[in-house]
Structures are given as structure tokens and as C-alpha cells.
């Protein structure tokens, strides 16, 4: 007997579980990317490989679920636009960390759920009550506490690039989630990955000085492959989750990404959190639960 996804509470539970698993996958992406880069891979080789691996893995999924990989021509401009937003988010983020501390860059990037929540509320797509806004404010405060120990202001160029990355993230997620509701998560991610590869090839041809270098050891190759696998799973599952719980709730749930990253650092790298970071960890977790409970209270 299949699950009755017409039941709102069950649908919510499934959607939340999918988004949380997607966040767990995304949490592995920075670590695997760092390992690949440290082993000699160039940034553009890493990004192109990531997208190519994602496309290869999504191809059979798309064929199985939809029977075809083509999309109506009227969707192509929107796919190309979403792909530009995704590349812009990644490019600005990687560029920002050359000027400012990675903790601050990450902190600014994760403001994007607030922008999505605000726009969704103002346009009437998803209503957020006052108690949920309090929970959102606490989420951002918890994120600040979690990353405060690593934050250094740095240069204004890094700040500008970080905020640009945040805006691109907001535009990417909102537009891609709309396309997902119309065409499906697998096909949207497949086409975004394929077009990303095309953009990277054009960049290699037109921009002088870009080095296309792969890792030099088996460990580096394992890192670059796992980077592509976790990247694909993370975004595919995220947009599948959006179909169940909506883009605003899914975006806010991505704030478990830094929690998973912190836990993995404790388990695999032995990096313990200080008191302030544990406080931020707890605030984020409690605020996410509170946001969901306040929503249930509103609907009950």
C-alpha cells in the first residue's frame, strides 16, 4: 500500500525529510571540493565535472520518471536564466572568499531564506504569521552565533561579492522551484547541469588564463566524483522537497546545512565547537522546530 500523500501532515513530514536529507548531501560538497582542489584540480575543472556528473546521473532518472529528456521550447529561456543564477551564486561565493573570511561569506549567503520568505509573503504565495517571523529572526541570530568565531570583515569587495551570491541564490531557488512545479525536479536539474557545462566550455574558450586541471591522485578523483554526486543529490532532493512543503519552508530548512557541517567537522576532523557556537547551534535547531510548530498552530 502506497503512502497517502494527500494527508497534509504526512505530506509535510515527507517534504521535510527530503529537504533535510538534501541538506546532509550539500554539507558534504564543500569538504569534497576542498580535497579535490588541494589535490591539484582547478576550480573550473571541479565545477564542470560536478555538473557533468550530475547530468549523467540525472539522465536515467529523468528517462525513467518522464520517459523523455526534452522540454518544450518555451521553457528554454527560463532554464538558461536559472543556470546563469546558479553559476553566478557559485562564482561570487568562491570569489568572495578570496577577499573575506569564509565564515562571513557563508553567513551572508544564508540570509537568502529571509529574502525568499519576504518575497513569498509580499506576493501572497506563502503567508507567514508574526510568530513565524520571530522564529525566522531567531534563526538568523543563531546563524550569527554559530559562525561569529570565524567572522572577519575583510574588504568591501568581498562583502559585495557575498551579497551578490546571496541574491543569486535567492533568484536561483525561487525561479527553479517554479519550473520544478511545472516540469519536475529531475528534468530541471538535468538541463541546468547540461547548460552549465556549455557555459563553462564557452568560458574556457573566451577567457584567457583559465586552467583546466584534474586531481593528481586517486583520492583527488574520489573527491571530485563524490563532489558531483552529493551536489546532484542535494539540489535534486531540495527541489523535490519544495514540491511538498513550498519554497519558503524548504529554504529555511536549509539552515540545517551549517549544523550538519559543524557535526561533520566534530566527527571527522575533531574540531569542537566553543560555547558561543553551541549556543548558535541550539538556537537554530529550536527556531526551526518553532517555525514548524507555529505553522501547525496557525493551521490548526
C-alpha atoms as a PDB file:
ATOM      1  CA  UNK A   1       0.000   0.000   0.000  1.00  0.00           C
ATOM      2  CA  UNK A   2       1.422   3.396  -1.005  1.00  0.00           C
ATOM      3  CA  UNK A   3       1.665   6.423   1.200  1.00  0.00           C
ATOM      4  CA  UNK A   4      -1.355   8.724   1.234  1.00  0.00           C
ATOM      5  CA  UNK A   5       0.386  11.950   0.295  1.00  0.00           C
ATOM      6  CA  UNK A   6      -2.990  13.664   0.209  1.00  0.00           C
ATOM      7  CA  UNK A   7      -2.753  13.772   4.001  1.00  0.00           C
ATOM      8  CA  UNK A   8      -1.296  17.253   4.762  1.00  0.00           C
ATOM      9  CA  UNK A   9       0.653  16.151   7.834  1.00  0.00           C
ATOM     10  CA  UNK A  10       2.166  13.142   6.080  1.00  0.00           C
ATOM     11  CA  UNK A  11       2.971  15.278   3.042  1.00  0.00           C
ATOM     12  CA  UNK A  12       4.714  17.795   5.316  1.00  0.00           C
ATOM     13  CA  UNK A  13       6.693  15.060   7.054  1.00  0.00           C
ATOM     14  CA  UNK A  14       7.852  13.573   3.748  1.00  0.00           C
ATOM     15  CA  UNK A  15       8.785  17.002   2.363  1.00  0.00           C
ATOM     16  CA  UNK A  16      10.733  17.981   5.489  1.00  0.00           C
ATOM     17  CA  UNK A  17      12.576  14.643   5.462  1.00  0.00           C
ATOM     18  CA  UNK A  18      13.543  15.107   1.796  1.00  0.00           C
ATOM     19  CA  UNK A  19      14.866  18.641   2.395  1.00  0.00           C
ATOM     20  CA  UNK A  20      16.831  17.571   5.474  1.00  0.00           C
ATOM     21  CA  UNK A  21      18.452  14.717   3.521  1.00  0.00           C
ATOM     22  CA  UNK A  22      19.263  17.195   0.735  1.00  0.00           C
ATOM     23  CA  UNK A  23      20.964  19.432   3.304  1.00  0.00           C
ATOM     24  CA  UNK A  24      23.001  16.495   4.547  1.00  0.00           C
ATOM     25  CA  UNK A  25      24.181  15.883   0.971  1.00  0.00           C
ATOM     26  CA  UNK A  26      25.014  19.573   0.436  1.00  0.00           C
ATOM     27  CA  UNK A  27      27.032  19.575   3.669  1.00  0.00           C
ATOM     28  CA  UNK A  28      29.492  17.145   2.044  1.00  0.00           C
ATOM     29  CA  UNK A  29      30.049  19.347  -1.033  1.00  0.00           C
ATOM     30  CA  UNK A  30      32.499  21.935   0.454  1.00  0.00           C
ATOM     31  CA  UNK A  31      34.680  19.260   2.078  1.00  0.00           C
ATOM     32  CA  UNK A  32      34.936  17.148  -1.070  1.00  0.00           C
ATOM     33  CA  UNK A  33      35.593  20.270  -3.151  1.00  0.00           C
ATOM     34  CA  UNK A  34      38.434  21.314  -0.858  1.00  0.00           C
ATOM     35  CA  UNK A  35      40.004  17.854  -1.079  1.00  0.00           C
ATOM     36  CA  UNK A  36      39.833  17.926  -4.886  1.00  0.00           C
ATOM     37  CA  UNK A  37      41.277  21.453  -5.104  1.00  0.00           C
ATOM     38  CA  UNK A  38      44.069  20.583  -2.664  1.00  0.00           C
ATOM     39  CA  UNK A  39      44.924  17.586  -4.859  1.00  0.00           C
ATOM     40  CA  UNK A  40      45.566  19.758  -7.895  1.00  0.00           C
ATOM     41  CA  UNK A  41      42.165  20.235  -9.526  1.00  0.00           C
ATOM     42  CA  UNK A  42      41.415  23.691 -10.854  1.00  0.00           C
ATOM     43  CA  UNK A  43      38.188  25.435  -9.894  1.00  0.00           C
ATOM     44  CA  UNK A  44      36.665  25.345 -13.382  1.00  0.00           C
ATOM     45  CA  UNK A  45      37.530  21.641 -13.741  1.00  0.00           C
ATOM     46  CA  UNK A  46      35.841  20.957 -10.415  1.00  0.00           C
ATOM     47  CA  UNK A  47      32.696  22.885 -11.346  1.00  0.00           C
ATOM     48  CA  UNK A  48      32.446  21.427 -14.848  1.00  0.00           C
ATOM     49  CA  UNK A  49      32.994  17.894 -13.542  1.00  0.00           C
ATOM     50  CA  UNK A  50      30.366  18.477 -10.857  1.00  0.00           C
ATOM     51  CA  UNK A  51      27.760  19.490 -13.428  1.00  0.00           C
ATOM     52  CA  UNK A  52      28.714  16.742 -15.900  1.00  0.00           C
ATOM     53  CA  UNK A  53      28.470  14.057 -13.191  1.00  0.00           C
ATOM     54  CA  UNK A  54      25.122  15.491 -12.115  1.00  0.00           C
ATOM     55  CA  UNK A  55      23.796  15.380 -15.683  1.00  0.00           C
ATOM     56  CA  UNK A  56      24.975  11.792 -16.215  1.00  0.00           C
ATOM     57  CA  UNK A  57      23.312  10.608 -13.011  1.00  0.00           C
ATOM     58  CA  UNK A  58      20.078  12.503 -13.647  1.00  0.00           C
ATOM     59  CA  UNK A  59      19.702  11.250 -17.226  1.00  0.00           C
ATOM     60  CA  UNK A  60      18.366   7.761 -16.366  1.00  0.00           C
ATOM     61  CA  UNK A  61      16.245   9.198 -13.536  1.00  0.00           C
ATOM     62  CA  UNK A  62      14.595  11.645 -15.926  1.00  0.00           C
ATOM     63  CA  UNK A  63      14.027   8.989 -18.581  1.00  0.00           C
ATOM     64  CA  UNK A  64      12.505   6.625 -16.010  1.00  0.00           C
ATOM     65  CA  UNK A  65      10.198   9.191 -14.446  1.00  0.00           C
ATOM     66  CA  UNK A  66       9.189  11.176 -17.537  1.00  0.00           C
ATOM     67  CA  UNK A  67      10.079   8.967 -20.496  1.00  0.00           C
ATOM     68  CA  UNK A  68      11.920  11.820 -22.239  1.00  0.00           C
ATOM     69  CA  UNK A  69      14.574  14.433 -21.545  1.00  0.00           C
ATOM     70  CA  UNK A  70      13.434  17.189 -23.889  1.00  0.00           C
ATOM     71  CA  UNK A  71      11.402  20.157 -22.713  1.00  0.00           C
ATOM     72  CA  UNK A  72       9.055  22.498 -24.599  1.00  0.00           C
ATOM     73  CA  UNK A  73      10.992  25.272 -26.365  1.00  0.00           C
ATOM     74  CA  UNK A  74       9.118  27.974 -24.423  1.00  0.00           C
ATOM     75  CA  UNK A  75      10.919  26.885 -21.223  1.00  0.00           C
ATOM     76  CA  UNK A  76      14.430  27.248 -22.660  1.00  0.00           C
ATOM     77  CA  UNK A  77      14.912  30.972 -21.845  1.00  0.00           C
ATOM     78  CA  UNK A  78      13.899  30.322 -18.227  1.00  0.00           C
ATOM     79  CA  UNK A  79      16.244  27.328 -17.981  1.00  0.00           C
ATOM     80  CA  UNK A  80      19.112  29.441 -19.328  1.00  0.00           C
ATOM     81  CA  UNK A  81      18.284  32.198 -16.838  1.00  0.00           C
ATOM     82  CA  UNK A  82      18.177  29.758 -13.892  1.00  0.00           C
ATOM     83  CA  UNK A  83      21.524  28.325 -14.978  1.00  0.00           C
ATOM     84  CA  UNK A  84      23.070  31.809 -15.003  1.00  0.00           C
ATOM     85  CA  UNK A  85      21.740  32.441 -11.484  1.00  0.00           C
ATOM     86  CA  UNK A  86      23.251  29.175 -10.250  1.00  0.00           C
ATOM     87  CA  UNK A  87      26.647  29.867 -11.805  1.00  0.00           C
ATOM     88  CA  UNK A  88      26.519  33.440 -10.502  1.00  0.00           C
ATOM     89  CA  UNK A  89      25.877  32.190  -6.962  1.00  0.00           C
ATOM     90  CA  UNK A  90      28.841  29.796  -7.084  1.00  0.00           C
ATOM     91  CA  UNK A  91      31.216  32.195  -8.867  1.00  0.00           C
ATOM     92  CA  UNK A  92      30.516  35.081  -6.478  1.00  0.00           C
ATOM     93  CA  UNK A  93      30.853  32.836  -3.430  1.00  0.00           C
ATOM     94  CA  UNK A  94      34.212  31.389  -4.497  1.00  0.00           C
ATOM     95  CA  UNK A  95      35.432  34.850  -5.488  1.00  0.00           C
ATOM     96  CA  UNK A  96      34.284  36.375  -2.191  1.00  0.00           C
ATOM     97  CA  UNK A  97      36.396  34.031  -0.061  1.00  0.00           C
ATOM     98  CA  UNK A  98      39.495  35.414  -1.742  1.00  0.00           C
ATOM     99  CA  UNK A  99      38.767  38.757  -0.037  1.00  0.00           C
ATOM    100  CA  UNK A 100      36.927  37.919   3.197  1.00  0.00           C
ATOM    101  CA  UNK A 101      36.717  35.128   5.740  1.00  0.00           C
ATOM    102  CA  UNK A 102      34.715  32.096   4.593  1.00  0.00           C
ATOM    103  CA  UNK A 103      32.608  32.265   7.772  1.00  0.00           C
ATOM    104  CA  UNK A 104      31.349  35.743   6.915  1.00  0.00           C
ATOM    105  CA  UNK A 105      30.758  34.811   3.265  1.00  0.00           C
ATOM    106  CA  UNK A 106      28.709  31.798   4.347  1.00  0.00           C
ATOM    107  CA  UNK A 107      26.795  33.869   6.900  1.00  0.00           C
ATOM    108  CA  UNK A 108      25.782  36.406   4.232  1.00  0.00           C
ATOM    109  CA  UNK A 109      24.841  33.662   1.748  1.00  0.00           C
ATOM    110  CA  UNK A 110      22.485  32.046   4.254  1.00  0.00           C
ATOM    111  CA  UNK A 111      20.459  35.241   4.544  1.00  0.00           C
ATOM    112  CA  UNK A 112      18.750  34.178   1.293  1.00  0.00           C
ATOM    113  CA  UNK A 113      15.884  32.294   3.057  1.00  0.00           C
ATOM    114  CA  UNK A 114      14.808  35.595   4.643  1.00  0.00           C
ATOM    115  CA  UNK A 115      14.623  37.202   1.192  1.00  0.00           C
ATOM    116  CA  UNK A 116      12.603  34.282  -0.154  1.00  0.00           C
ATOM    117  CA  UNK A 117      10.258  34.385   2.842  1.00  0.00           C
ATOM    118  CA  UNK A 118       9.754  38.139   2.470  1.00  0.00           C
ATOM    119  CA  UNK A 119       9.061  37.997  -1.276  1.00  0.00           C
ATOM    120  CA  UNK A 120       6.747  34.991  -0.938  1.00  0.00           C
ATOM    121  CA  UNK A 121       4.837  36.762   1.832  1.00  0.00           C
ATOM    122  CA  UNK A 122       4.550  40.073  -0.040  1.00  0.00           C
ATOM    123  CA  UNK A 123       3.396  38.379  -3.263  1.00  0.00           C
ATOM    124  CA  UNK A 124       0.881  36.254  -1.368  1.00  0.00           C
ATOM    125  CA  UNK A 125       2.361  32.920  -2.442  1.00  0.00           C
ATOM    126  CA  UNK A 126       3.001  31.777   1.131  1.00  0.00           C
ATOM    127  CA  UNK A 127       1.652  33.591   4.195  1.00  0.00           C
ATOM    128  CA  UNK A 128       3.885  33.837   7.263  1.00  0.00           C
ATOM    129  CA  UNK A 129       2.398  34.784  10.616  1.00  0.00           C
ATOM    130  CA  UNK A 130       4.020  37.024  13.220  1.00  0.00           C
ATOM    131  CA  UNK A 131       5.230  34.134  15.381  1.00  0.00           C
ATOM    132  CA  UNK A 132       6.909  32.557  12.378  1.00  0.00           C
ATOM    133  CA  UNK A 133       8.705  35.856  11.675  1.00  0.00           C
ATOM    134  CA  UNK A 134      10.038  35.757  15.238  1.00  0.00           C
ATOM    135  CA  UNK A 135      11.309  32.227  14.580  1.00  0.00           C
ATOM    136  CA  UNK A 136      12.989  33.427  11.353  1.00  0.00           C
ATOM    137  CA  UNK A 137      14.711  36.272  13.229  1.00  0.00           C
ATOM    138  CA  UNK A 138      15.945  33.761  15.803  1.00  0.00           C
ATOM    139  CA  UNK A 139      17.222  31.521  13.005  1.00  0.00           C
ATOM    140  CA  UNK A 140      19.380  34.316  11.643  1.00  0.00           C
ATOM    141  CA  UNK A 141      20.581  35.216  15.139  1.00  0.00           C
ATOM    142  CA  UNK A 142      21.524  31.587  15.758  1.00  0.00           C
ATOM    143  CA  UNK A 143      23.451  31.517  12.489  1.00  0.00           C
ATOM    144  CA  UNK A 144      25.381  34.593  13.612  1.00  0.00           C
ATOM    145  CA  UNK A 145      26.286  32.947  16.928  1.00  0.00           C
ATOM    146  CA  UNK A 146      27.303  29.715  15.181  1.00  0.00           C
ATOM    147  CA  UNK A 147      29.699  31.499  12.827  1.00  0.00           C
ATOM    148  CA  UNK A 148      30.718  34.525  14.919  1.00  0.00           C
ATOM    149  CA  UNK A 149      34.028  32.989  15.969  1.00  0.00           C
ATOM    150  CA  UNK A 150      35.181  32.683  12.343  1.00  0.00           C
ATOM    151  CA  UNK A 151      33.912  36.012  11.040  1.00  0.00           C
ATOM    152  CA  UNK A 152      36.349  38.693   9.969  1.00  0.00           C
ATOM    153  CA  UNK A 153      35.042  41.627   7.971  1.00  0.00           C
ATOM    154  CA  UNK A 154      37.747  41.832   5.302  1.00  0.00           C
ATOM    155  CA  UNK A 155      37.377  44.054   2.230  1.00  0.00           C
ATOM    156  CA  UNK A 156      34.320  45.700   0.745  1.00  0.00           C
ATOM    157  CA  UNK A 157      34.882  43.760  -2.490  1.00  0.00           C
ATOM    158  CA  UNK A 158      34.360  40.502  -0.615  1.00  0.00           C
ATOM    159  CA  UNK A 159      31.216  41.857   1.033  1.00  0.00           C
ATOM    160  CA  UNK A 160      29.777  42.947  -2.314  1.00  0.00           C
ATOM    161  CA  UNK A 161      30.508  39.558  -3.856  1.00  0.00           C
ATOM    162  CA  UNK A 162      28.971  37.765  -0.850  1.00  0.00           C
ATOM    163  CA  UNK A 163      25.751  39.757  -1.078  1.00  0.00           C
ATOM    164  CA  UNK A 164      25.705  39.149  -4.844  1.00  0.00           C
ATOM    165  CA  UNK A 165      25.997  35.418  -4.145  1.00  0.00           C
ATOM    166  CA  UNK A 166      23.081  35.688  -1.729  1.00  0.00           C
ATOM    167  CA  UNK A 167      20.906  37.476  -4.308  1.00  0.00           C
ATOM    168  CA  UNK A 168      21.796  34.929  -6.998  1.00  0.00           C
ATOM    169  CA  UNK A 169      20.921  32.104  -4.561  1.00  0.00           C
ATOM    170  CA  UNK A 170      17.528  33.662  -3.894  1.00  0.00           C
ATOM    171  CA  UNK A 171      16.802  34.142  -7.611  1.00  0.00           C
ATOM    172  CA  UNK A 172      18.022  30.649  -8.478  1.00  0.00           C
ATOM    173  CA  UNK A 173      15.915  28.877  -5.865  1.00  0.00           C
ATOM    174  CA  UNK A 174      12.716  30.852  -6.461  1.00  0.00           C
ATOM    175  CA  UNK A 175      12.824  30.502 -10.251  1.00  0.00           C
ATOM    176  CA  UNK A 176      13.986  26.884 -10.265  1.00  0.00           C
ATOM    177  CA  UNK A 177      11.280  25.894  -7.772  1.00  0.00           C
ATOM    178  CA  UNK A 178       8.639  27.399 -10.070  1.00  0.00           C
ATOM    179  CA  UNK A 179      10.000  25.432 -13.014  1.00  0.00           C
ATOM    180  CA  UNK A 180      10.126  22.304 -10.874  1.00  0.00           C
ATOM    181  CA  UNK A 181       6.419  22.557 -10.124  1.00  0.00           C
ATOM    182  CA  UNK A 182       5.774  22.668 -13.880  1.00  0.00           C
ATOM    183  CA  UNK A 183       8.328  20.190 -15.261  1.00  0.00           C
ATOM    184  CA  UNK A 184       9.709  18.157 -12.359  1.00  0.00           C
ATOM    185  CA  UNK A 185      12.874  18.388 -10.279  1.00  0.00           C
ATOM    186  CA  UNK A 186      14.931  15.808 -12.194  1.00  0.00           C
ATOM    187  CA  UNK A 187      14.450  17.355 -15.627  1.00  0.00           C
ATOM    188  CA  UNK A 188      15.130  20.900 -14.386  1.00  0.00           C
ATOM    189  CA  UNK A 189      18.348  19.874 -12.650  1.00  0.00           C
ATOM    190  CA  UNK A 190      19.389  17.801 -15.687  1.00  0.00           C
ATOM    191  CA  UNK A 191      19.037  20.743 -18.062  1.00  0.00           C
ATOM    192  CA  UNK A 192      20.615  23.212 -15.626  1.00  0.00           C
ATOM    193  CA  UNK A 193      23.657  20.937 -15.319  1.00  0.00           C
ATOM    194  CA  UNK A 194      23.941  20.429 -19.086  1.00  0.00           C
ATOM    195  CA  UNK A 195      23.735  24.151 -19.796  1.00  0.00           C
ATOM    196  CA  UNK A 196      26.229  24.854 -17.020  1.00  0.00           C
ATOM    197  CA  UNK A 197      28.730  22.609 -18.825  1.00  0.00           C
ATOM    198  CA  UNK A 198      28.104  24.567 -22.017  1.00  0.00           C
ATOM    199  CA  UNK A 199      28.697  27.873 -20.215  1.00  0.00           C
ATOM    200  CA  UNK A 200      31.951  26.572 -18.699  1.00  0.00           C
ATOM    201  CA  UNK A 201      33.199  25.409 -22.113  1.00  0.00           C
ATOM    202  CA  UNK A 202      32.469  28.859 -23.549  1.00  0.00           C
ATOM    203  CA  UNK A 203      34.323  30.439 -20.611  1.00  0.00           C
ATOM    204  CA  UNK A 204      37.363  28.229 -21.267  1.00  0.00           C
ATOM    205  CA  UNK A 205      37.380  29.316 -24.904  1.00  0.00           C
ATOM    206  CA  UNK A 206      36.827  33.032 -24.351  1.00  0.00           C
ATOM    207  CA  UNK A 207      38.645  33.753 -21.069  1.00  0.00           C
ATOM    208  CA  UNK A 208      42.441  33.530 -21.249  1.00  0.00           C
ATOM    209  CA  UNK A 209      44.353  32.074 -18.326  1.00  0.00           C
ATOM    210  CA  UNK A 210      41.728  29.600 -17.115  1.00  0.00           C
ATOM    211  CA  UNK A 211      43.496  26.356 -16.201  1.00  0.00           C
ATOM    212  CA  UNK A 212      41.639  23.086 -16.685  1.00  0.00           C
ATOM    213  CA  UNK A 213      43.461  20.775 -14.269  1.00  0.00           C
ATOM    214  CA  UNK A 214      42.303  17.481 -12.770  1.00  0.00           C
ATOM    215  CA  UNK A 215      43.448  15.858  -9.482  1.00  0.00           C
ATOM    216  CA  UNK A 216      46.752  14.004  -9.468  1.00  0.00           C
ATOM    217  CA  UNK A 217      45.885  11.095  -7.119  1.00  0.00           C
ATOM    218  CA  UNK A 218      43.118   8.518  -6.716  1.00  0.00           C
ATOM    219  CA  UNK A 219      41.963  10.283  -3.545  1.00  0.00           C
ATOM    220  CA  UNK A 220      41.546  13.505  -5.514  1.00  0.00           C
ATOM    221  CA  UNK A 221      39.497  11.732  -8.168  1.00  0.00           C
ATOM    222  CA  UNK A 222      37.322  10.163  -5.481  1.00  0.00           C
ATOM    223  CA  UNK A 223      36.792  13.637  -4.004  1.00  0.00           C
ATOM    224  CA  UNK A 224      35.830  15.182  -7.353  1.00  0.00           C
ATOM    225  CA  UNK A 225      33.405  12.334  -8.132  1.00  0.00           C
ATOM    226  CA  UNK A 226      31.810  12.431  -4.676  1.00  0.00           C
ATOM    227  CA  UNK A 227      31.519  16.226  -5.024  1.00  0.00           C
ATOM    228  CA  UNK A 228      29.440  15.748  -8.167  1.00  0.00           C
ATOM    229  CA  UNK A 229      27.299  13.012  -6.634  1.00  0.00           C
ATOM    230  CA  UNK A 230      26.468  14.933  -3.452  1.00  0.00           C
ATOM    231  CA  UNK A 231      25.913  18.157  -5.416  1.00  0.00           C
ATOM    232  CA  UNK A 232      23.425  16.392  -7.693  1.00  0.00           C
ATOM    233  CA  UNK A 233      21.597  14.660  -4.853  1.00  0.00           C
ATOM    234  CA  UNK A 234      21.477  17.829  -2.745  1.00  0.00           C
ATOM    235  CA  UNK A 235      19.807  20.061  -5.324  1.00  0.00           C
ATOM    236  CA  UNK A 236      17.584  17.384  -6.834  1.00  0.00           C
ATOM    237  CA  UNK A 237      16.191  16.406  -3.423  1.00  0.00           C
ATOM    238  CA  UNK A 238      15.854  20.043  -2.364  1.00  0.00           C
ATOM    239  CA  UNK A 239      13.595  20.886  -5.298  1.00  0.00           C
ATOM    240  CA  UNK A 240      11.656  17.644  -4.822  1.00  0.00           C
ATOM    241  CA  UNK A 241      11.095  18.801  -1.239  1.00  0.00           C
ATOM    242  CA  UNK A 242       9.897  22.204  -2.461  1.00  0.00           C
ATOM    243  CA  UNK A 243       7.001  20.453  -4.181  1.00  0.00           C
ATOM    244  CA  UNK A 244       5.832  19.130  -0.801  1.00  0.00           C
ATOM    245  CA  UNK A 245       6.449  21.996   1.618  1.00  0.00           C
ATOM    246  CA  UNK A 246       6.878  25.083  -0.575  1.00  0.00           C
ATOM    247  CA  UNK A 247       9.971  27.075  -1.418  1.00  0.00           C
ATOM    248  CA  UNK A 248       9.914  29.279   1.715  1.00  0.00           C
ATOM    249  CA  UNK A 249       9.848  26.423   4.209  1.00  0.00           C
ATOM    250  CA  UNK A 250      12.365  24.425   2.183  1.00  0.00           C
ATOM    251  CA  UNK A 251      14.736  27.402   2.019  1.00  0.00           C
ATOM    252  CA  UNK A 252      14.503  27.951   5.783  1.00  0.00           C
ATOM    253  CA  UNK A 253      15.165  24.272   6.396  1.00  0.00           C
ATOM    254  CA  UNK A 254      18.463  24.616   4.504  1.00  0.00           C
ATOM    255  CA  UNK A 255      19.743  26.370   7.624  1.00  0.00           C
ATOM    256  CA  UNK A 256      20.462  22.882   8.915  1.00  0.00           C
ATOM    257  CA  UNK A 257      23.335  22.845   6.368  1.00  0.00           C
ATOM    258  CA  UNK A 258      25.781  24.604   8.733  1.00  0.00           C
ATOM    259  CA  UNK A 259      24.579  22.371  11.575  1.00  0.00           C
ATOM    260  CA  UNK A 260      25.448  19.255   9.586  1.00  0.00           C
ATOM    261  CA  UNK A 261      28.752  20.815   8.528  1.00  0.00           C
ATOM    262  CA  UNK A 262      29.600  21.519  12.177  1.00  0.00           C
ATOM    263  CA  UNK A 263      28.711  17.968  13.207  1.00  0.00           C
ATOM    264  CA  UNK A 264      30.843  16.505  10.421  1.00  0.00           C
ATOM    265  CA  UNK A 265      33.759  18.693  11.482  1.00  0.00           C
ATOM    266  CA  UNK A 266      33.405  17.294  15.015  1.00  0.00           C
ATOM    267  CA  UNK A 267      33.166  13.660  13.875  1.00  0.00           C
ATOM    268  CA  UNK A 268      35.713  13.595  11.038  1.00  0.00           C
ATOM    269  CA  UNK A 269      38.083  16.466  11.826  1.00  0.00           C
ATOM    270  CA  UNK A 270      37.929  16.628  15.618  1.00  0.00           C
ATOM    271  CA  UNK A 271      37.029  20.339  15.525  1.00  0.00           C
ATOM    272  CA  UNK A 272      34.986  21.054  18.656  1.00  0.00           C
ATOM    273  CA  UNK A 273      32.571  23.978  18.933  1.00  0.00           C
ATOM    274  CA  UNK A 274      33.021  26.639  21.589  1.00  0.00           C
ATOM    275  CA  UNK A 275      30.239  27.765  23.934  1.00  0.00           C
ATOM    276  CA  UNK A 276      29.023  30.524  21.591  1.00  0.00           C
ATOM    277  CA  UNK A 277      28.877  28.159  18.627  1.00  0.00           C
ATOM    278  CA  UNK A 278      26.967  25.529  20.613  1.00  0.00           C
ATOM    279  CA  UNK A 279      24.529  28.274  21.630  1.00  0.00           C
ATOM    280  CA  UNK A 280      24.004  29.237  17.988  1.00  0.00           C
ATOM    281  CA  UNK A 281      23.600  25.547  17.076  1.00  0.00           C
ATOM    282  CA  UNK A 282      20.844  25.181  19.692  1.00  0.00           C
ATOM    283  CA  UNK A 283      19.098  28.425  18.675  1.00  0.00           C
ATOM    284  CA  UNK A 284      18.923  27.357  15.021  1.00  0.00           C
ATOM    285  CA  UNK A 285      17.566  23.928  15.879  1.00  0.00           C
ATOM    286  CA  UNK A 286      14.953  25.262  18.317  1.00  0.00           C
ATOM    287  CA  UNK A 287      13.920  28.049  15.904  1.00  0.00           C
ATOM    288  CA  UNK A 288      13.388  25.601  13.025  1.00  0.00           C
ATOM    289  CA  UNK A 289      11.177  23.451  15.237  1.00  0.00           C
ATOM    290  CA  UNK A 290       9.343  26.560  16.465  1.00  0.00           C
ATOM    291  CA  UNK A 291       8.712  27.759  12.893  1.00  0.00           C
ATOM    292  CA  UNK A 292       7.057  24.438  12.047  1.00  0.00           C
ATOM    293  CA  UNK A 293       5.038  24.306  15.270  1.00  0.00           C
ATOM    294  CA  UNK A 294       3.771  27.865  14.805  1.00  0.00           C
ATOM    295  CA  UNK A 295       2.650  26.947  11.299  1.00  0.00           C
ATOM    296  CA  UNK A 296       0.757  23.940  12.620  1.00  0.00           C
ATOM    297  CA  UNK A 297      -0.818  26.130  15.316  1.00  0.00           C
ATOM    298  CA  UNK A 298      -1.938  28.587  12.683  1.00  0.00           C
ATOM    299  CA  UNK A 299      -3.487  25.921  10.518  1.00  0.00           C
ATOM    300  CA  UNK A 300      -4.994  24.006  13.408  1.00  0.00           C
END
